Amino acid sequence: MKDTKSNIAVRHCAKRYKITSGGKLFRPDGIEILPSCSRRGYPHIGVTIRSHGIDQKIFIHRIVAYQKYGEGLFETGIVVRHLNHDKKDFRPDNISIGSMSDNYYDHDSDYLENFPIQGSKAARSRRMFSMETAEEIRRRHRNGEGYRKLARAYGCSRSTIRFIVHRVTYAN
């Protein structure tokens, strides 16, 4: 885990700023802060730490995640998840950490069905399995067979099986 300027700034803010259960952010002197939003829509504050030569934006959801999970936030492959997918909702009970895959599967089935990972029309024409085989894979999984066993049986990766089971691919 690398100690980047961003991580130092997140630790600094997490010790000083308070975020209420209702998602309001307060400075150490008790004054409420109304954060700015990045181009991608994430609320942030500007932070200057002269002793470390830091002057940058810190996303509020990262401060909340550090307050909840501590150093686990900085582990490799960990991202901050907004459980309701509202970037501007940084209430502590809406913030979690996990992998990019966890974040992807937090979405509802309507979103996953239309997610670009399904590929283009040309990609669908090169499918590895028929729709009948995909249904058989889902049935076998419902009956208790794991991703690894199914992947070996069908000669594909576990992620292919997982995408089929969760209807990311072969949805129709």
C-alpha atoms as a PDB file:
ATOM      1  CA  MET A   1       0.000   0.000   0.000  1.00  0.00           C
ATOM      2  CA  LYS A   2       1.625   3.183  -1.257  1.00  0.00           C
ATOM      3  CA  ASP A   3       1.367   6.303   0.875  1.00  0.00           C
ATOM      4  CA  THR A   4       0.247   8.733  -1.828  1.00  0.00           C
ATOM      5  CA  LYS A   5      -0.568  12.400  -1.333  1.00  0.00           C
ATOM      6  CA  SER A   6      -4.225  11.523  -1.809  1.00  0.00           C
ATOM      7  CA  ASN A   7      -4.105   8.904   0.969  1.00  0.00           C
ATOM      8  CA  ILE A   8      -2.342  11.322   3.318  1.00  0.00           C
ATOM      9  CA  ALA A   9      -4.989  13.968   2.578  1.00  0.00           C
ATOM     10  CA  VAL A  10      -7.853  11.491   3.143  1.00  0.00           C
ATOM     11  CA  ARG A  11      -6.405  10.519   6.556  1.00  0.00           C
ATOM     12  CA  HIS A  12      -5.969  14.196   7.418  1.00  0.00           C
ATOM     13  CA  CYS A  13      -9.588  15.036   6.511  1.00  0.00           C
ATOM     14  CA  ALA A  14     -11.044  11.941   8.178  1.00  0.00           C
ATOM     15  CA  LYS A  15      -9.519  13.017  11.510  1.00  0.00           C
ATOM     16  CA  ARG A  16     -10.787  16.582  11.272  1.00  0.00           C
ATOM     17  CA  TYR A  17     -14.069  16.621   9.368  1.00  0.00           C
ATOM     18  CA  LYS A  18     -17.340  15.165  10.608  1.00  0.00           C
ATOM     19  CA  ILE A  19     -19.943  13.559   8.355  1.00  0.00           C
ATOM     20  CA  THR A  20     -23.345  13.017   9.949  1.00  0.00           C
ATOM     21  CA  SER A  21     -25.581  10.015   9.384  1.00  0.00           C
ATOM     22  CA  GLY A  22     -27.720  12.324   7.231  1.00  0.00           C
ATOM     23  CA  GLY A  23     -24.767  13.064   4.944  1.00  0.00           C
ATOM     24  CA  LYS A  24     -23.842  16.585   6.068  1.00  0.00           C
ATOM     25  CA  LEU A  25     -20.174  17.562   6.172  1.00  0.00           C
ATOM     26  CA  PHE A  26     -18.793  19.798   8.940  1.00  0.00           C
ATOM     27  CA  ARG A  27     -15.438  21.502   9.384  1.00  0.00           C
ATOM     28  CA  PRO A  28     -13.561  21.132  12.696  1.00  0.00           C
ATOM     29  CA  ASP A  29     -15.035  24.472  13.855  1.00  0.00           C
ATOM     30  CA  GLY A  30     -18.580  23.116  13.373  1.00  0.00           C
ATOM     31  CA  ILE A  31     -19.450  25.025  10.198  1.00  0.00           C
ATOM     32  CA  GLU A  32     -21.249  22.982   7.531  1.00  0.00           C
ATOM     33  CA  ILE A  33     -19.430  22.640   4.203  1.00  0.00           C
ATOM     34  CA  LEU A  34     -21.248  22.476   0.885  1.00  0.00           C
ATOM     35  CA  PRO A  35     -18.825  20.549  -1.328  1.00  0.00           C
ATOM     36  CA  SER A  36     -18.150  21.240  -5.001  1.00  0.00           C
ATOM     37  CA  CYS A  37     -18.742  18.533  -7.607  1.00  0.00           C
ATOM     38  CA  SER A  38     -16.184  17.121 -10.013  1.00  0.00           C
ATOM     39  CA  ARG A  39     -16.863  16.848 -13.747  1.00  0.00           C
ATOM     40  CA  ARG A  40     -17.945  13.256 -13.132  1.00  0.00           C
ATOM     41  CA  GLY A  41     -20.425  14.392 -10.455  1.00  0.00           C
ATOM     42  CA  TYR A  42     -18.590  13.374  -7.263  1.00  0.00           C
ATOM     43  CA  PRO A  43     -18.673  15.860  -4.334  1.00  0.00           C
ATOM     44  CA  HIS A  44     -15.211  16.983  -3.180  1.00  0.00           C
ATOM     45  CA  ILE A  45     -13.430  19.555  -1.064  1.00  0.00           C
ATOM     46  CA  GLY A  46     -10.132  21.295  -1.633  1.00  0.00           C
ATOM     47  CA  VAL A  47      -7.442  20.404   0.879  1.00  0.00           C
ATOM     48  CA  THR A  48      -4.119  22.080   1.543  1.00  0.00           C
ATOM     49  CA  ILE A  49      -1.597  20.455   3.889  1.00  0.00           C
ATOM     50  CA  ARG A  50       1.460  22.698   3.783  1.00  0.00           C
ATOM     51  CA  SER A  51       3.663  20.370   5.837  1.00  0.00           C
ATOM     52  CA  HIS A  52       3.288  17.672   3.157  1.00  0.00           C
ATOM     53  CA  GLY A  53       3.113  19.965   0.125  1.00  0.00           C
ATOM     54  CA  ILE A  54      -0.423  18.798  -0.631  1.00  0.00           C
ATOM     55  CA  ASP A  55      -3.009  20.941  -2.393  1.00  0.00           C
ATOM     56  CA  GLN A  56      -5.695  18.857  -4.081  1.00  0.00           C
ATOM     57  CA  LYS A  57      -9.311  17.767  -4.306  1.00  0.00           C
ATOM     58  CA  ILE A  58     -10.468  15.014  -1.954  1.00  0.00           C
ATOM     59  CA  PHE A  59     -13.673  13.165  -2.706  1.00  0.00           C
ATOM     60  CA  ILE A  60     -16.091  13.120   0.229  1.00  0.00           C
ATOM     61  CA  HIS A  61     -16.967   9.443  -0.286  1.00  0.00           C
ATOM     62  CA  ARG A  62     -13.292   8.550   0.313  1.00  0.00           C
ATOM     63  CA  ILE A  63     -13.295  10.453   3.618  1.00  0.00           C
ATOM     64  CA  VAL A  64     -16.446   8.605   4.714  1.00  0.00           C
ATOM     65  CA  ALA A  65     -14.980   5.251   3.628  1.00  0.00           C
ATOM     66  CA  TYR A  66     -11.789   5.914   5.607  1.00  0.00           C
ATOM     67  CA  GLN A  67     -13.814   6.850   8.695  1.00  0.00           C
ATOM     68  CA  LYS A  68     -15.728   3.550   8.394  1.00  0.00           C
ATOM     69  CA  TYR A  69     -13.038   1.122   7.193  1.00  0.00           C
ATOM     70  CA  GLY A  70      -9.696   2.720   8.023  1.00  0.00           C
ATOM     71  CA  GLU A  71      -6.604   1.586   6.153  1.00  0.00           C
ATOM     72  CA  GLY A  72      -8.600  -1.121   4.321  1.00  0.00           C
ATOM     73  CA  LEU A  73      -9.642   1.632   1.913  1.00  0.00           C
ATOM     74  CA  PHE A  74      -6.085   1.841   0.588  1.00  0.00           C
ATOM     75  CA  GLU A  75      -5.618  -1.850  -0.220  1.00  0.00           C
ATOM     76  CA  THR A  76      -4.903  -2.732  -3.839  1.00  0.00           C
ATOM     77  CA  GLY A  77      -8.046  -3.283  -5.914  1.00  0.00           C
ATOM     78  CA  ILE A  78     -10.401  -1.641  -3.402  1.00  0.00           C
ATOM     79  CA  VAL A  79     -12.872   1.002  -4.558  1.00  0.00           C
ATOM     80  CA  VAL A  80     -15.498   3.039  -2.726  1.00  0.00           C
ATOM     81  CA  ARG A  81     -19.042   1.909  -3.524  1.00  0.00           C
ATOM     82  CA  HIS A  82     -22.201   4.029  -3.371  1.00  0.00           C
ATOM     83  CA  LEU A  83     -24.753   1.348  -2.561  1.00  0.00           C
ATOM     84  CA  ASN A  84     -27.638   3.314  -4.077  1.00  0.00           C
ATOM     85  CA  HIS A  85     -25.466   4.497  -7.029  1.00  0.00           C
ATOM     86  CA  ASP A  86     -26.106   8.171  -6.223  1.00  0.00           C
ATOM     87  CA  LYS A  87     -22.689   9.831  -6.421  1.00  0.00           C
ATOM     88  CA  LYS A  88     -23.885  12.783  -4.357  1.00  0.00           C
ATOM     89  CA  ASP A  89     -25.161  10.604  -1.483  1.00  0.00           C
ATOM     90  CA  PHE A  90     -22.231  10.177   0.884  1.00  0.00           C
ATOM     91  CA  ARG A  91     -24.200   9.167   3.983  1.00  0.00           C
ATOM     92  CA  PRO A  92     -22.107   6.600   5.886  1.00  0.00           C
ATOM     93  CA  ASP A  93     -24.750   3.865   5.542  1.00  0.00           C
ATOM     94  CA  ASN A  94     -24.663   4.305   1.736  1.00  0.00           C
ATOM     95  CA  ILE A  95     -20.863   3.948   1.500  1.00  0.00           C
ATOM     96  CA  SER A  96     -19.045   0.637   1.356  1.00  0.00           C
ATOM     97  CA  ILE A  97     -15.764  -0.642  -0.038  1.00  0.00           C
ATOM     98  CA  GLY A  98     -15.131  -3.598  -2.294  1.00  0.00           C
ATOM     99  CA  SER A  99     -13.809  -4.604  -5.694  1.00  0.00           C
ATOM    100  CA  MET A 100     -14.834  -3.184  -9.066  1.00  0.00           C
ATOM    101  CA  SER A 101     -16.730  -6.438  -9.584  1.00  0.00           C
ATOM    102  CA  ASP A 102     -18.671  -5.919  -6.334  1.00  0.00           C
ATOM    103  CA  ASN A 103     -19.520  -2.416  -7.485  1.00  0.00           C
ATOM    104  CA  TYR A 104     -20.695  -3.704 -10.863  1.00  0.00           C
ATOM    105  CA  TYR A 105     -22.967  -6.364  -9.355  1.00  0.00           C
ATOM    106  CA  ASP A 106     -24.534  -3.840  -6.949  1.00  0.00           C
ATOM    107  CA  HIS A 107     -26.610  -2.627  -9.899  1.00  0.00           C
ATOM    108  CA  ASP A 108     -30.123  -3.894 -10.504  1.00  0.00           C
ATOM    109  CA  SER A 109     -30.863  -6.404 -13.270  1.00  0.00           C
ATOM    110  CA  ASP A 110     -32.280  -3.716 -15.608  1.00  0.00           C
ATOM    111  CA  TYR A 111     -28.972  -1.866 -15.550  1.00  0.00           C
ATOM    112  CA  LEU A 112     -26.931  -5.044 -15.987  1.00  0.00           C
ATOM    113  CA  GLU A 113     -29.102  -6.137 -18.901  1.00  0.00           C
ATOM    114  CA  ASN A 114     -28.269  -2.942 -20.789  1.00  0.00           C
ATOM    115  CA  PHE A 115     -24.649  -2.664 -19.674  1.00  0.00           C
ATOM    116  CA  PRO A 116     -22.164  -2.390 -22.575  1.00  0.00           C
ATOM    117  CA  ILE A 117     -20.441  -5.617 -21.511  1.00  0.00           C
ATOM    118  CA  GLN A 118     -23.124  -7.450 -23.484  1.00  0.00           C
ATOM    119  CA  GLY A 119     -21.247  -6.315 -26.546  1.00  0.00           C
ATOM    120  CA  SER A 120     -22.215  -5.320 -30.016  1.00  0.00           C
ATOM    121  CA  LYS A 121     -24.436  -7.179 -32.446  1.00  0.00           C
ATOM    122  CA  ALA A 122     -21.288  -8.586 -34.064  1.00  0.00           C
ATOM    123  CA  ALA A 123     -20.021  -9.835 -30.686  1.00  0.00           C
ATOM    124  CA  ARG A 124     -23.366 -11.518 -29.976  1.00  0.00           C
ATOM    125  CA  SER A 125     -23.116 -13.336 -33.307  1.00  0.00           C
ATOM    126  CA  ARG A 126     -19.838 -14.924 -32.092  1.00  0.00           C
ATOM    127  CA  ARG A 127     -21.311 -16.273 -28.867  1.00  0.00           C
ATOM    128  CA  MET A 128     -19.678 -19.284 -27.330  1.00  0.00           C
ATOM    129  CA  PHE A 129     -22.940 -20.937 -26.263  1.00  0.00           C
ATOM    130  CA  SER A 130     -26.478 -21.244 -27.494  1.00  0.00           C
ATOM    131  CA  MET A 131     -29.304 -19.751 -25.427  1.00  0.00           C
ATOM    132  CA  GLU A 132     -30.317 -23.317 -24.478  1.00  0.00           C
ATOM    133  CA  THR A 133     -26.836 -24.014 -23.102  1.00  0.00           C
ATOM    134  CA  ALA A 134     -26.910 -20.737 -21.155  1.00  0.00           C
ATOM    135  CA  GLU A 135     -30.231 -21.780 -19.571  1.00  0.00           C
ATOM    136  CA  GLU A 136     -28.721 -25.187 -18.729  1.00  0.00           C
ATOM    137  CA  ILE A 137     -25.782 -23.432 -17.014  1.00  0.00           C
ATOM    138  CA  ARG A 138     -28.220 -21.306 -14.966  1.00  0.00           C
ATOM    139  CA  ARG A 139     -30.230 -24.387 -14.012  1.00  0.00           C
ATOM    140  CA  ARG A 140     -27.120 -26.310 -12.924  1.00  0.00           C
ATOM    141  CA  HIS A 141     -25.950 -23.292 -10.893  1.00  0.00           C
ATOM    142  CA  ARG A 142     -29.364 -23.007  -9.170  1.00  0.00           C
ATOM    143  CA  ASN A 143     -29.011 -26.698  -8.299  1.00  0.00           C
ATOM    144  CA  GLY A 144     -25.781 -26.012  -6.440  1.00  0.00           C
ATOM    145  CA  GLU A 145     -22.933 -26.373  -8.932  1.00  0.00           C
ATOM    146  CA  GLY A 146     -20.255 -23.719  -8.485  1.00  0.00           C
ATOM    147  CA  TYR A 147     -18.682 -21.430 -11.061  1.00  0.00           C
ATOM    148  CA  ARG A 148     -15.420 -23.372 -11.145  1.00  0.00           C
ATOM    149  CA  LYS A 149     -17.057 -26.740 -11.785  1.00  0.00           C
ATOM    150  CA  LEU A 150     -19.309 -25.290 -14.483  1.00  0.00           C
ATOM    151  CA  ALA A 151     -16.386 -23.455 -16.129  1.00  0.00           C
ATOM    152  CA  ARG A 152     -14.420 -26.713 -16.340  1.00  0.00           C
ATOM    153  CA  ALA A 153     -17.442 -28.584 -17.707  1.00  0.00           C
ATOM    154  CA  TYR A 154     -18.077 -26.009 -20.445  1.00  0.00           C
ATOM    155  CA  GLY A 155     -14.447 -25.111 -21.203  1.00  0.00           C
ATOM    156  CA  CYS A 156     -14.655 -21.424 -20.346  1.00  0.00           C
ATOM    157  CA  SER A 157     -13.685 -19.016 -17.571  1.00  0.00           C
ATOM    158  CA  ARG A 158     -15.488 -18.595 -14.259  1.00  0.00           C
ATOM    159  CA  SER A 159     -16.302 -15.007 -15.182  1.00  0.00           C
ATOM    160  CA  THR A 160     -18.091 -16.236 -18.325  1.00  0.00           C
ATOM    161  CA  ILE A 161     -20.209 -18.526 -16.149  1.00  0.00           C
ATOM    162  CA  ARG A 162     -20.851 -15.731 -13.649  1.00  0.00           C
ATOM    163  CA  PHE A 163     -21.973 -13.363 -16.448  1.00  0.00           C
ATOM    164  CA  ILE A 164     -24.338 -16.024 -17.783  1.00  0.00           C
ATOM    165  CA  VAL A 165     -25.773 -16.830 -14.337  1.00  0.00           C
ATOM    166  CA  HIS A 166     -26.364 -13.122 -13.570  1.00  0.00           C
ATOM    167  CA  ARG A 167     -27.776 -12.516 -17.077  1.00  0.00           C
ATOM    168  CA  VAL A 168     -25.091 -10.002 -17.968  1.00  0.00           C
ATOM    169  CA  THR A 169     -24.674 -11.987 -21.166  1.00  0.00           C
ATOM    170  CA  TYR A 170     -27.223 -14.306 -22.765  1.00  0.00           C
ATOM    171  CA  ALA A 171     -29.966 -12.207 -21.172  1.00  0.00           C
ATOM    172  CA  ASN A 172     -32.571 -12.739 -23.898  1.00  0.00           C
END
